[in-house]
Amino acid sequence: MSENTLVAQTICTREGHDFAKIFKFQFVLSKTPPKTSESWRAYKVSDWTLQACPSLRVTPVLDSVGDLVGWFLGIGITAAGDAITQSLPLPAQQNADDFFDKAQDVIHGIAGRFAIILATSDKQRMYFDAALDQSVVYNADAGLIASSATLAAFGEPQTNPLFDRDAILNGHNYYAFEHTSDPRVERAFPNHYLDLKTFALPRVWPLAETPFDIMRARRNGLISRMERRLRQIMHGLLRNFDCCLPISGGHDSRLLLSYGKGELHNLSTAFSHATNHNTLVDSLIAANICKIFDVPHQVINVFGEEHKKQLERRKNMRRFNEFALRTGFEGGTRDRRAGLANALAPKHEVLIRGNLVGILSAQQYGRHLLDAPFNLNFALARLRIQDNWSEEDLNRWSARYLRWLNTLPKAAHSRTYDLAFLELVQPHALGALLNGSTNAYHVNPFNDRTLLHGSMRLRPRYRLSRKAIDTMQQNAAPELSVVPFTSDTKHVVMKALGKSPPWEDLKDLDILQQS
């Protein structure tokens, strides 16, 4: 293979993969466009060329007089609740001194999964969504920016010596900070922008004056603003895109569905995956929720006889390898049933998911740490870099963590675990892995600064008690209070049907609680 051939092309040619099929929803940005796929589209801005899969939405960004200043990649809902479908207008002319300041204000108000390329005569930048759900990696030496590591380097793949590749592909560990599977390629950070001239990553949020607390008397007002914004985002997605929504027995998907009320007739598919006993129970809970909302519900039951051949080892390995390649070797499907369920997910434009709702429940905190000083060992453990730490490892990653921590303004240090989740965990544990799913473009409605910052302003003790999420849930859909969550439902199932009943026995079980 030529040294100017992308690693992705090298692997696809050698292993017989269809490049266009593997790298659905992905992109490459460069000044000298490499070979990708004949089906990919090209978009110019300044001296950069964006090459993108036709399934990835690419929308023009216009300045205040209607001139093209860049491209919006992905799905977004503006601060006003408008879906970005035809163009993204900015409130300043590109030659104005405050162009990027005003552009930044608009960008920080957008919810969804996206990246934005902006270019004027003297500045060229790339901005990201608040959690880097739209994966962005870059190779400064090669002048490549892309959605995954194998699209951002030439020649043969290289292995990052600081990480256990197999443990990462099996879902036990993650890459961390700027690292990817290839030492030539670095991952961007959310809350920063990428300078396309220097490849520097200046921080743009939080600012020194950004508050990270709120008085108890103002808490209800903050929650009300969050409720309005979540409803606005859900309605914007459901009105403007062909959406599906996976529903489990937990809090996150239930909350999203509840804030979609009024537009749920536009939801194309509500579904659940049944891959083990817990998810069978989840499917039962989801069916009851959907019945109350009068939303059709589909169960993808991989235990069905019709899927037996798809679970054969050879087919499972093919799925695993393709998923890993799509993610730039940053993750794989953990087990064969989960891998099959991912492949069987409904095919729609957008899959709405609830991962980031966990910040509303302070999932990054342990109760023993609520009133304790910052604990570096706990913070490092949350990154899941490795399982066994040598002194050299501990020193290396401790120093790197503290360098990141020192980029935060002082007020933000009280929410270090939350911000580490957004900036250090989420880009690797989810953003990179979203490339692996190609039946729909996955979007987190909670990926929005009003919601994320609002959640962080609520004190961790209050969030950990679930008072915040319970309040929002009850305000949106009190009728769902009769539907139990997973742990309670498992007890009902065990008492009525014993351990691990099949879906055919489970689906008609009455689990609704009497008020």
Protein backbone atom coordinates (compact mmCIF):
# COMPACT_ATOMS: atom_id res chain seq x y z
CA MET A 1 0.00 0.00 0.00
CA SER A 2 1.13 3.57 -0.72
CA GLU A 3 2.34 5.63 2.21
CA ASN A 4 -0.35 8.16 1.19
CA THR A 5 -3.11 5.59 1.65
CA LEU A 6 -5.24 5.97 4.77
CA VAL A 7 -4.87 3.22 7.37
CA ALA A 8 -8.61 2.64 6.94
CA GLN A 9 -8.14 1.93 3.22
CA THR A 10 -5.14 -0.29 3.91
CA ILE A 11 -7.14 -2.47 6.30
CA CYS A 12 -10.29 -2.55 4.15
CA THR A 13 -8.32 -3.64 1.08
CA ARG A 14 -6.38 -6.31 2.98
CA GLU A 15 -9.37 -7.74 4.87
CA GLY A 16 -12.02 -7.37 2.19
CA HIS A 17 -14.21 -4.76 3.92
CA ASP A 18 -16.41 -2.31 2.05
CA PHE A 19 -14.99 1.10 3.03
CA ALA A 20 -18.26 2.98 2.41
CA LYS A 21 -20.25 0.49 4.49
CA ILE A 22 -17.75 0.38 7.35
CA PHE A 23 -17.27 4.13 7.71
CA LYS A 24 -20.90 5.23 7.54
CA PHE A 25 -21.53 8.66 9.17
CA GLN A 26 -17.77 9.40 9.17
CA PHE A 27 -15.55 12.12 7.66
CA VAL A 28 -12.04 13.32 6.85
CA LEU A 29 -10.91 16.96 6.74
CA SER A 30 -7.65 17.82 4.96
CA LYS A 31 -5.93 20.23 2.59
CA THR A 32 -4.86 17.42 0.27
CA PRO A 33 -7.81 15.01 0.08
CA PRO A 34 -6.84 11.33 0.43
CA LYS A 35 -8.68 8.51 -1.30
CA THR A 36 -11.84 7.58 0.61
CA SER A 37 -14.95 6.34 -1.21
CA GLU A 38 -16.45 7.37 -4.54
CA SER A 39 -19.79 7.70 -2.76
CA TRP A 40 -18.45 10.26 -0.27
CA ARG A 41 -19.18 13.93 -0.90
CA ALA A 42 -16.67 16.78 -0.88
CA TYR A 43 -17.23 20.23 0.64
CA LYS A 44 -14.78 23.14 0.41
CA VAL A 45 -14.12 25.90 2.90
CA SER A 46 -11.03 28.08 2.60
CA ASP A 47 -8.17 25.74 1.65
CA TRP A 48 -9.70 22.74 3.47
CA THR A 49 -11.71 19.92 1.92
CA LEU A 50 -14.26 18.00 3.95
CA GLN A 51 -14.93 14.47 2.67
CA ALA A 52 -17.99 12.92 4.28
CA CYS A 53 -20.20 9.88 4.03
CA PRO A 54 -23.49 10.93 2.39
CA SER A 55 -25.40 9.60 5.43
CA LEU A 56 -23.72 12.22 7.64
CA ARG A 57 -25.70 15.45 7.58
CA VAL A 58 -23.51 18.33 6.39
CA THR A 59 -25.18 21.75 6.55
CA PRO A 60 -23.75 25.10 5.42
CA VAL A 61 -22.83 27.70 8.06
CA LEU A 62 -23.52 31.27 6.90
CA ASP A 63 -22.44 34.63 8.26
CA SER A 64 -24.85 37.55 8.77
CA VAL A 65 -24.84 38.51 5.07
CA GLY A 66 -25.32 34.95 3.87
CA ASP A 67 -21.74 34.12 2.88
CA LEU A 68 -20.47 30.58 3.46
CA VAL A 69 -18.09 30.42 6.43
CA GLY A 70 -18.09 26.72 7.22
CA TRP A 71 -19.94 23.46 7.63
CA PHE A 72 -22.05 21.93 10.40
CA LEU A 73 -21.63 18.14 10.66
CA GLY A 74 -24.29 16.12 12.47
CA ILE A 75 -27.57 16.81 14.23
CA GLY A 76 -28.30 19.90 16.33
CA ILE A 77 -31.11 21.83 18.00
CA THR A 78 -30.40 25.54 18.55
CA ALA A 79 -31.02 27.52 21.72
CA ALA A 80 -34.28 28.72 20.14
CA GLY A 81 -35.40 25.11 19.57
CA ASP A 82 -34.84 25.07 15.80
CA ALA A 83 -33.42 22.01 14.11
CA ILE A 84 -30.34 22.70 11.98
CA THR A 85 -31.47 21.32 8.63
CA GLN A 86 -31.04 23.91 5.85
CA SER A 87 -28.32 26.18 7.23
CA LEU A 88 -26.83 27.53 10.45
CA PRO A 89 -26.90 31.36 10.34
CA LEU A 90 -24.46 33.29 12.53
CA PRO A 91 -25.13 36.84 13.80
CA ALA A 92 -21.91 38.50 12.59
CA GLN A 93 -20.09 39.09 9.33
CA GLN A 94 -16.97 36.99 8.89
CA ASN A 95 -14.61 40.00 8.76
CA ALA A 96 -15.97 41.48 12.03
CA ASP A 97 -13.61 41.54 15.00
CA ASP A 98 -16.19 39.77 17.18
CA PHE A 99 -17.15 37.13 14.60
CA PHE A 100 -15.77 34.15 16.52
CA ASP A 101 -17.06 35.42 19.87
CA LYS A 102 -20.58 35.65 18.49
CA ALA A 103 -20.23 32.34 16.66
CA GLN A 104 -19.10 30.71 19.90
CA ASP A 105 -22.18 32.00 21.72
CA VAL A 106 -24.41 30.37 19.10
CA ILE A 107 -22.45 27.11 19.15
CA HIS A 108 -22.61 26.85 22.95
CA GLY A 109 -26.39 27.03 22.73
CA ILE A 110 -26.70 24.02 20.40
CA ALA A 111 -27.73 20.58 21.70
CA GLY A 112 -26.99 17.33 19.92
CA ARG A 113 -24.06 15.56 18.33
CA PHE A 114 -22.01 17.68 15.97
CA ALA A 115 -18.77 19.30 14.86
CA ILE A 116 -18.50 22.71 13.18
CA ILE A 117 -15.79 23.91 10.81
CA LEU A 118 -15.42 27.72 10.59
CA ALA A 119 -12.96 29.57 8.36
CA THR A 120 -12.33 33.26 7.76
CA SER A 121 -9.44 34.98 6.01
CA ASP A 122 -7.23 34.79 9.10
CA LYS A 123 -8.66 32.11 11.40
CA GLN A 124 -9.72 28.50 10.90
CA ARG A 125 -11.29 26.51 13.71
CA MET A 126 -13.26 23.39 14.51
CA TYR A 127 -15.78 23.34 17.36
CA PHE A 128 -17.44 20.33 19.00
CA ASP A 129 -20.55 19.35 20.90
CA ALA A 130 -20.41 19.59 24.70
CA ALA A 131 -19.31 15.98 25.26
CA LEU A 132 -17.52 15.15 21.97
CA ASP A 133 -20.22 12.63 21.08
CA GLN A 134 -19.31 13.48 17.49
CA SER A 135 -15.88 11.90 17.57
CA VAL A 136 -13.03 14.12 16.33
CA VAL A 137 -9.39 13.06 16.16
CA TYR A 138 -6.44 14.72 14.46
CA ASN A 139 -2.93 14.07 13.17
CA ALA A 140 -1.00 17.33 13.12
CA ASP A 141 1.98 15.92 11.22
CA ALA A 142 -0.20 14.55 8.41
CA GLY A 143 -2.63 17.49 8.41
CA LEU A 144 -5.63 15.20 8.90
CA ILE A 145 -8.74 15.64 11.06
CA ALA A 146 -11.26 12.81 11.07
CA SER A 147 -13.95 10.95 12.97
CA SER A 148 -11.78 7.94 13.88
CA ALA A 149 -8.10 7.10 14.14
CA THR A 150 -7.73 4.92 11.04
CA LEU A 151 -9.03 7.82 8.94
CA ALA A 152 -6.40 10.18 10.37
CA ALA A 153 -3.15 8.37 9.53
CA PHE A 154 -1.46 6.91 6.49
CA GLY A 155 0.11 3.51 5.82
CA GLU A 156 -0.06 0.67 8.32
CA PRO A 157 -1.80 0.88 11.71
CA GLN A 158 0.40 1.53 14.72
CA THR A 159 -0.23 0.46 18.31
CA ASN A 160 -0.22 2.84 21.25
CA PRO A 161 2.32 1.28 23.68
CA LEU A 162 0.79 2.92 26.79
CA PHE A 163 -2.43 0.91 26.63
CA ASP A 164 -3.64 -2.69 26.56
CA ARG A 165 -5.33 -2.89 23.16
CA ASP A 166 -7.09 -6.21 23.85
CA ALA A 167 -8.52 -5.00 27.16
CA ILE A 168 -9.88 -1.92 25.38
CA LEU A 169 -11.40 -3.86 22.49
CA ASN A 170 -13.09 -6.17 24.99
CA GLY A 171 -14.65 -3.21 26.77
CA HIS A 172 -12.69 -3.45 30.02
CA ASN A 173 -10.57 -0.31 29.65
CA TYR A 174 -10.45 2.92 27.63
CA TYR A 175 -7.91 5.18 26.05
CA ALA A 176 -7.56 8.44 27.96
CA PHE A 177 -6.88 12.15 27.55
CA GLU A 178 -5.65 12.88 24.01
CA HIS A 179 -4.63 9.27 23.32
CA THR A 180 -6.11 7.01 20.65
CA SER A 181 -5.20 3.55 19.37
CA ASP A 182 -2.59 5.09 17.06
CA PRO A 183 0.25 7.16 18.63
CA ARG A 184 0.24 9.48 15.60
CA VAL A 185 -3.37 10.48 16.21
CA GLU A 186 -4.81 12.51 19.11
CA ARG A 187 -8.38 12.91 20.28
CA ALA A 188 -9.85 16.39 20.69
CA PHE A 189 -11.37 17.59 23.96
CA PRO A 190 -14.90 18.94 24.36
CA ASN A 191 -15.19 22.51 25.67
CA HIS A 192 -12.19 23.44 23.49
CA TYR A 193 -11.80 24.34 19.83
CA LEU A 194 -9.19 22.98 17.42
CA ASP A 195 -7.10 25.66 15.73
CA LEU A 196 -6.71 24.31 12.21
CA LYS A 197 -3.55 26.33 11.60
CA THR A 198 -1.57 25.33 14.71
CA PHE A 199 -3.53 22.26 15.94
CA ALA A 200 -3.65 23.88 19.38
CA LEU A 201 -6.71 23.18 21.57
CA PRO A 202 -7.62 26.31 23.58
CA ARG A 203 -10.29 25.90 26.26
CA VAL A 204 -13.48 27.91 25.71
CA TRP A 205 -15.67 26.68 28.61
CA PRO A 206 -16.09 26.86 31.54
CA LEU A 207 -15.04 30.48 32.02
CA ALA A 208 -13.62 31.97 35.22
CA GLU A 209 -17.01 33.50 36.00
CA THR A 210 -19.04 30.32 35.26
CA PRO A 211 -20.94 29.39 38.46
CA PHE A 212 -20.91 25.83 39.77
CA ASP A 213 -23.36 26.10 42.62
CA ILE A 214 -26.83 27.49 43.25
CA MET A 215 -28.72 28.60 46.32
CA ARG A 216 -31.44 26.26 47.52
CA ALA A 217 -34.05 28.99 47.03
CA ARG A 218 -33.19 29.16 43.31
CA ARG A 219 -32.98 25.42 42.72
CA ASN A 220 -36.56 24.93 41.53
CA GLY A 221 -36.17 27.75 39.03
CA LEU A 222 -33.06 26.09 37.59
CA ILE A 223 -34.83 22.75 37.30
CA SER A 224 -37.75 24.45 35.54
CA ARG A 225 -35.36 25.94 32.96
CA MET A 226 -33.82 22.51 32.44
CA GLU A 227 -37.27 20.99 31.96
CA ARG A 228 -38.17 23.56 29.31
CA ARG A 229 -34.91 22.97 27.48
CA LEU A 230 -35.15 19.17 27.51
CA ARG A 231 -38.72 19.35 26.21
CA GLN A 232 -37.61 21.79 23.51
CA ILE A 233 -34.79 19.48 22.39
CA MET A 234 -36.92 16.33 22.37
CA HIS A 235 -39.68 18.07 20.42
CA GLY A 236 -37.13 19.48 17.97
CA LEU A 237 -35.70 16.03 17.30
CA LEU A 238 -39.06 14.29 16.97
CA ARG A 239 -40.57 16.96 14.69
CA ASN A 240 -37.64 17.20 12.29
CA PHE A 241 -35.95 13.81 12.07
CA ASP A 242 -36.89 10.17 11.60
CA CYS A 243 -36.19 8.99 15.16
CA CYS A 244 -36.13 5.79 17.16
CA LEU A 245 -35.67 5.48 20.92
CA PRO A 246 -34.38 2.44 22.85
CA ILE A 247 -36.16 2.11 26.19
CA SER A 248 -34.87 0.29 29.27
CA GLY A 249 -36.09 -0.14 32.82
CA GLY A 250 -33.94 2.68 34.18
CA HIS A 251 -34.39 6.42 34.61
CA ASP A 252 -32.69 7.84 31.52
CA SER A 253 -34.81 6.66 28.60
CA ARG A 254 -37.98 7.04 30.67
CA LEU A 255 -37.12 10.71 31.25
CA LEU A 256 -36.43 11.37 27.58
CA LEU A 257 -39.65 9.70 26.46
CA SER A 258 -41.61 11.70 29.05
CA TYR A 259 -40.22 15.00 27.74
CA GLY A 260 -41.18 13.95 24.23
CA LYS A 261 -44.87 14.01 25.20
CA GLY A 262 -46.86 16.02 22.72
CA GLU A 263 -44.68 14.82 19.84
CA LEU A 264 -44.52 11.08 20.48
CA HIS A 265 -46.78 10.47 17.49
CA ASN A 266 -43.72 11.43 15.44
CA LEU A 267 -41.51 8.77 17.07
CA SER A 268 -40.92 6.14 14.39
CA THR A 269 -39.92 3.27 16.69
CA ALA A 270 -39.66 2.61 20.41
CA PHE A 271 -37.75 -0.59 21.08
CA SER A 272 -35.84 -2.64 23.61
CA HIS A 273 -33.00 -5.13 23.29
CA ALA A 274 -33.36 -8.47 25.06
CA THR A 275 -29.84 -9.92 25.38
CA ASN A 276 -29.89 -11.30 28.96
CA HIS A 277 -32.23 -11.61 31.93
CA ASN A 278 -31.84 -7.98 32.99
CA THR A 279 -32.67 -6.65 29.54
CA LEU A 280 -35.64 -9.03 29.27
CA VAL A 281 -36.96 -7.38 32.43
CA ASP A 282 -36.16 -3.98 30.92
CA SER A 283 -38.20 -4.94 27.88
CA LEU A 284 -41.18 -5.77 30.08
CA ILE A 285 -40.94 -2.39 31.83
CA ALA A 286 -40.54 -0.58 28.50
CA ALA A 287 -43.61 -2.31 27.08
CA ASN A 288 -45.67 -1.04 30.01
CA ILE A 289 -44.34 2.51 29.65
CA CYS A 290 -45.14 2.55 25.94
CA LYS A 291 -48.63 1.19 26.57
CA ILE A 292 -49.36 4.11 28.92
CA PHE A 293 -48.10 6.57 26.29
CA ASP A 294 -49.87 4.71 23.46
CA VAL A 295 -46.57 4.28 21.64
CA PRO A 296 -45.96 1.03 19.69
CA HIS A 297 -43.08 -0.95 21.19
CA GLN A 298 -40.77 -3.50 19.58
CA VAL A 299 -38.65 -6.08 21.41
CA ILE A 300 -35.50 -7.28 19.65
CA ASN A 301 -35.13 -10.66 21.33
CA VAL A 302 -31.81 -12.20 20.34
CA PHE A 303 -32.83 -15.43 22.10
CA GLY A 304 -35.32 -16.04 19.29
CA GLU A 305 -34.80 -19.11 17.14
CA GLU A 306 -34.59 -16.93 14.02
CA HIS A 307 -31.33 -15.39 15.32
CA LYS A 308 -29.55 -18.60 16.24
CA LYS A 309 -27.35 -18.74 13.14
CA GLN A 310 -26.35 -15.11 13.58
CA LEU A 311 -24.76 -16.00 16.92
CA GLU A 312 -22.30 -18.45 15.35
CA ARG A 313 -18.67 -17.73 16.22
CA ARG A 314 -17.60 -16.81 12.67
CA LYS A 315 -20.38 -14.26 12.21
CA ASN A 316 -19.83 -12.86 15.67
CA MET A 317 -16.12 -12.32 14.97
CA ARG A 318 -16.97 -10.54 11.73
CA ARG A 319 -19.31 -8.19 13.60
CA PHE A 320 -16.71 -7.63 16.32
CA ASN A 321 -13.95 -6.82 13.84
CA GLU A 322 -16.11 -4.45 11.82
CA PHE A 323 -17.29 -2.63 14.94
CA ALA A 324 -13.71 -2.26 16.17
CA LEU A 325 -12.54 -0.94 12.78
CA ARG A 326 -15.35 1.63 12.68
CA THR A 327 -14.31 2.99 16.08
CA GLY A 328 -10.64 3.27 15.14
CA PHE A 329 -9.99 0.25 17.40
CA GLU A 330 -11.21 2.11 20.48
CA GLY A 331 -13.83 -0.46 21.41
CA GLY A 332 -15.62 -3.65 20.51
CA THR A 333 -18.93 -5.34 21.26
CA ARG A 334 -18.54 -7.00 24.65
CA ASP A 335 -20.42 -10.21 23.93
CA ARG A 336 -22.00 -11.91 20.97
CA ARG A 337 -25.61 -11.15 21.95
CA ALA A 338 -24.87 -7.45 22.50
CA GLY A 339 -23.08 -7.34 19.16
CA LEU A 340 -26.03 -8.94 17.40
CA ALA A 341 -28.48 -6.60 19.13
CA ASN A 342 -26.49 -3.61 17.88
CA ALA A 343 -26.64 -4.99 14.33
CA LEU A 344 -30.39 -5.61 14.61
CA ALA A 345 -31.26 -2.11 15.89
CA PRO A 346 -33.95 -0.38 13.80
CA LYS A 347 -32.76 1.61 10.82
CA HIS A 348 -33.66 5.29 11.17
CA GLU A 349 -31.93 8.62 10.70
CA VAL A 350 -31.53 9.30 14.43
CA LEU A 351 -31.37 7.05 17.47
CA ILE A 352 -32.13 9.04 20.63
CA ARG A 353 -30.16 7.81 23.63
CA GLY A 354 -29.89 8.81 27.27
CA ASN A 355 -26.31 8.20 28.41
CA LEU A 356 -25.61 11.74 29.59
CA VAL A 357 -28.71 11.89 31.80
CA GLY A 358 -26.56 10.14 34.42
CA ILE A 359 -24.93 13.45 35.32
CA LEU A 360 -28.31 14.49 36.78
CA SER A 361 -27.90 11.65 39.30
CA ALA A 362 -24.23 12.40 40.09
CA GLN A 363 -23.18 8.96 38.88
CA GLN A 364 -19.51 9.98 39.00
CA TYR A 365 -19.58 10.37 42.78
CA GLY A 366 -19.43 7.91 45.65
CA ARG A 367 -21.29 8.80 48.85
CA HIS A 368 -18.05 8.51 50.82
CA LEU A 369 -16.58 11.33 48.68
CA LEU A 370 -19.40 13.87 48.92
CA ASP A 371 -17.78 15.89 51.69
CA ALA A 372 -14.22 14.73 51.15
CA PRO A 373 -11.33 16.56 49.44
CA PHE A 374 -10.51 15.71 45.84
CA ASN A 375 -9.27 12.11 45.60
CA LEU A 376 -6.82 11.62 42.72
CA ASN A 377 -6.75 7.84 42.99
CA PHE A 378 -10.56 7.68 42.73
CA ALA A 379 -10.48 10.13 39.83
CA LEU A 380 -7.94 8.02 37.94
CA ALA A 381 -9.90 4.83 38.58
CA ARG A 382 -12.96 6.42 36.93
CA LEU A 383 -10.99 6.72 33.68
CA ARG A 384 -10.50 2.93 33.49
CA ILE A 385 -7.10 3.26 31.85
CA GLN A 386 -5.84 -0.04 33.25
CA ASP A 387 -6.42 -2.48 36.09
CA ASN A 388 -2.98 -2.89 37.63
CA TRP A 389 -0.91 0.23 38.26
CA SER A 390 2.86 0.31 38.56
CA GLU A 391 4.48 3.28 40.29
CA GLU A 392 5.57 4.55 36.88
CA ASP A 393 2.00 4.30 35.56
CA LEU A 394 0.59 6.09 38.58
CA ASN A 395 3.11 8.91 38.30
CA ARG A 396 2.50 9.33 34.55
CA TRP A 397 -1.28 9.46 34.70
CA SER A 398 -1.39 11.45 37.92
CA ALA A 399 0.74 14.16 36.34
CA ARG A 400 -1.40 14.14 33.19
CA TYR A 401 -4.62 14.38 35.20
CA LEU A 402 -3.32 17.32 37.20
CA ARG A 403 -2.28 19.13 34.01
CA TRP A 404 -5.84 18.76 32.76
CA LEU A 405 -7.25 19.85 36.14
CA ASN A 406 -5.15 23.01 36.05
CA THR A 407 -6.83 24.09 32.81
CA LEU A 408 -10.12 24.46 34.71
CA PRO A 409 -11.02 27.72 36.47
CA LYS A 410 -10.98 27.55 40.26
CA ALA A 411 -14.78 27.54 40.64
CA ALA A 412 -15.02 24.42 38.47
CA HIS A 413 -12.78 22.39 40.78
CA SER A 414 -15.79 21.72 43.00
CA ARG A 415 -17.22 19.68 40.10
CA THR A 416 -14.04 17.99 38.94
CA TYR A 417 -15.60 14.50 38.76
CA ASP A 418 -18.47 15.81 36.59
CA LEU A 419 -16.17 17.66 34.21
CA ALA A 420 -13.79 14.71 34.03
CA PHE A 421 -16.74 12.55 32.98
CA LEU A 422 -17.60 14.97 30.17
CA GLU A 423 -14.08 15.70 28.97
CA LEU A 424 -12.03 12.60 29.83
CA VAL A 425 -14.44 9.65 30.03
CA GLN A 426 -17.28 10.36 27.63
CA PRO A 427 -15.19 11.02 24.49
CA HIS A 428 -13.56 7.58 24.79
CA ALA A 429 -16.27 5.51 26.50
CA LEU A 430 -19.07 6.70 24.23
CA GLY A 431 -18.06 9.23 21.57
CA ALA A 432 -15.53 6.94 19.92
CA LEU A 433 -17.84 3.94 20.20
CA LEU A 434 -20.79 5.67 18.55
CA ASN A 435 -18.93 5.26 15.27
CA GLY A 436 -19.47 1.52 15.66
CA SER A 437 -23.24 1.74 15.25
CA THR A 438 -24.41 2.41 11.70
CA ASN A 439 -28.15 1.67 11.67
CA ALA A 440 -28.81 5.22 12.87
CA TYR A 441 -26.92 8.35 13.93
CA HIS A 442 -26.94 8.29 17.73
CA VAL A 443 -27.84 11.56 19.50
CA ASN A 444 -27.97 12.39 23.22
CA PRO A 445 -30.62 15.09 23.86
CA PHE A 446 -28.92 15.77 27.21
CA ASN A 447 -25.76 16.78 25.33
CA ASP A 448 -26.57 20.44 25.87
CA ARG A 449 -24.85 23.04 28.04
CA THR A 450 -28.07 24.27 29.66
CA LEU A 451 -28.75 20.72 30.83
CA LEU A 452 -25.21 19.64 31.64
CA HIS A 453 -24.18 22.85 33.37
CA GLY A 454 -27.54 23.04 35.12
CA SER A 455 -27.06 19.52 36.44
CA MET A 456 -23.57 20.34 37.67
CA ARG A 457 -24.82 23.43 39.51
CA LEU A 458 -27.05 21.18 41.61
CA ARG A 459 -25.02 19.89 44.50
CA PRO A 460 -23.81 16.28 44.16
CA ARG A 461 -25.54 15.18 47.39
CA TYR A 462 -28.90 16.43 46.08
CA ARG A 463 -28.39 14.74 42.72
CA LEU A 464 -27.13 11.47 44.21
CA SER A 465 -30.35 11.19 46.25
CA ARG A 466 -32.17 11.17 42.86
CA LYS A 467 -34.27 14.14 43.97
CA ALA A 468 -33.42 16.09 40.81
CA ILE A 469 -34.24 13.36 38.30
CA ASP A 470 -37.30 12.22 40.29
CA THR A 471 -38.62 15.78 40.34
CA MET A 472 -38.18 16.18 36.61
CA GLN A 473 -39.73 12.76 35.95
CA GLN A 474 -42.76 13.40 38.15
CA ASN A 475 -43.33 16.85 36.66
CA ALA A 476 -43.27 15.48 33.11
CA ALA A 477 -45.18 12.23 33.46
CA PRO A 478 -46.78 11.48 36.85
CA GLU A 479 -48.74 8.70 35.15
CA LEU A 480 -45.55 6.61 34.96
CA SER A 481 -45.25 6.39 38.74
CA VAL A 482 -47.13 3.07 38.60
CA VAL A 483 -44.35 1.51 36.49
CA PRO A 484 -41.55 0.13 38.70
CA PHE A 485 -37.86 0.32 37.85
CA THR A 486 -35.61 -2.65 37.12
CA SER A 487 -34.65 -3.77 40.64
CA ASP A 488 -38.24 -3.85 41.91
CA THR A 489 -39.49 -5.53 38.75
CA LYS A 490 -36.87 -8.29 39.05
CA HIS A 491 -38.30 -9.19 42.47
CA VAL A 492 -41.81 -9.36 41.00
CA VAL A 493 -40.59 -11.56 38.15
CA MET A 494 -38.68 -13.90 40.47
CA LYS A 495 -41.69 -14.33 42.75
CA ALA A 496 -44.11 -14.97 39.88
CA LEU A 497 -42.04 -16.90 37.34
CA GLY A 498 -38.78 -17.93 38.96
CA LYS A 499 -35.27 -17.27 37.68
CA SER A 500 -34.72 -16.13 34.07
CA PRO A 501 -38.07 -16.89 32.41
CA PRO A 502 -38.27 -16.59 28.60
CA TRP A 503 -39.87 -13.56 26.99
CA GLU A 504 -42.95 -15.57 26.00
CA ASP A 505 -43.75 -16.13 29.69
CA LEU A 506 -42.61 -12.70 30.80
CA LYS A 507 -44.33 -10.36 28.37
CA ASP A 508 -47.84 -10.60 29.85
CA LEU A 509 -46.84 -10.38 33.53
CA ASP A 510 -48.65 -7.61 35.42
CA ILE A 511 -46.03 -5.43 37.12
CA LEU A 512 -47.93 -2.17 37.58
CA GLN A 513 -47.99 -0.89 41.15
CA GLN A 514 -51.25 0.13 42.72
CA SER A 515 -51.38 3.79 43.73
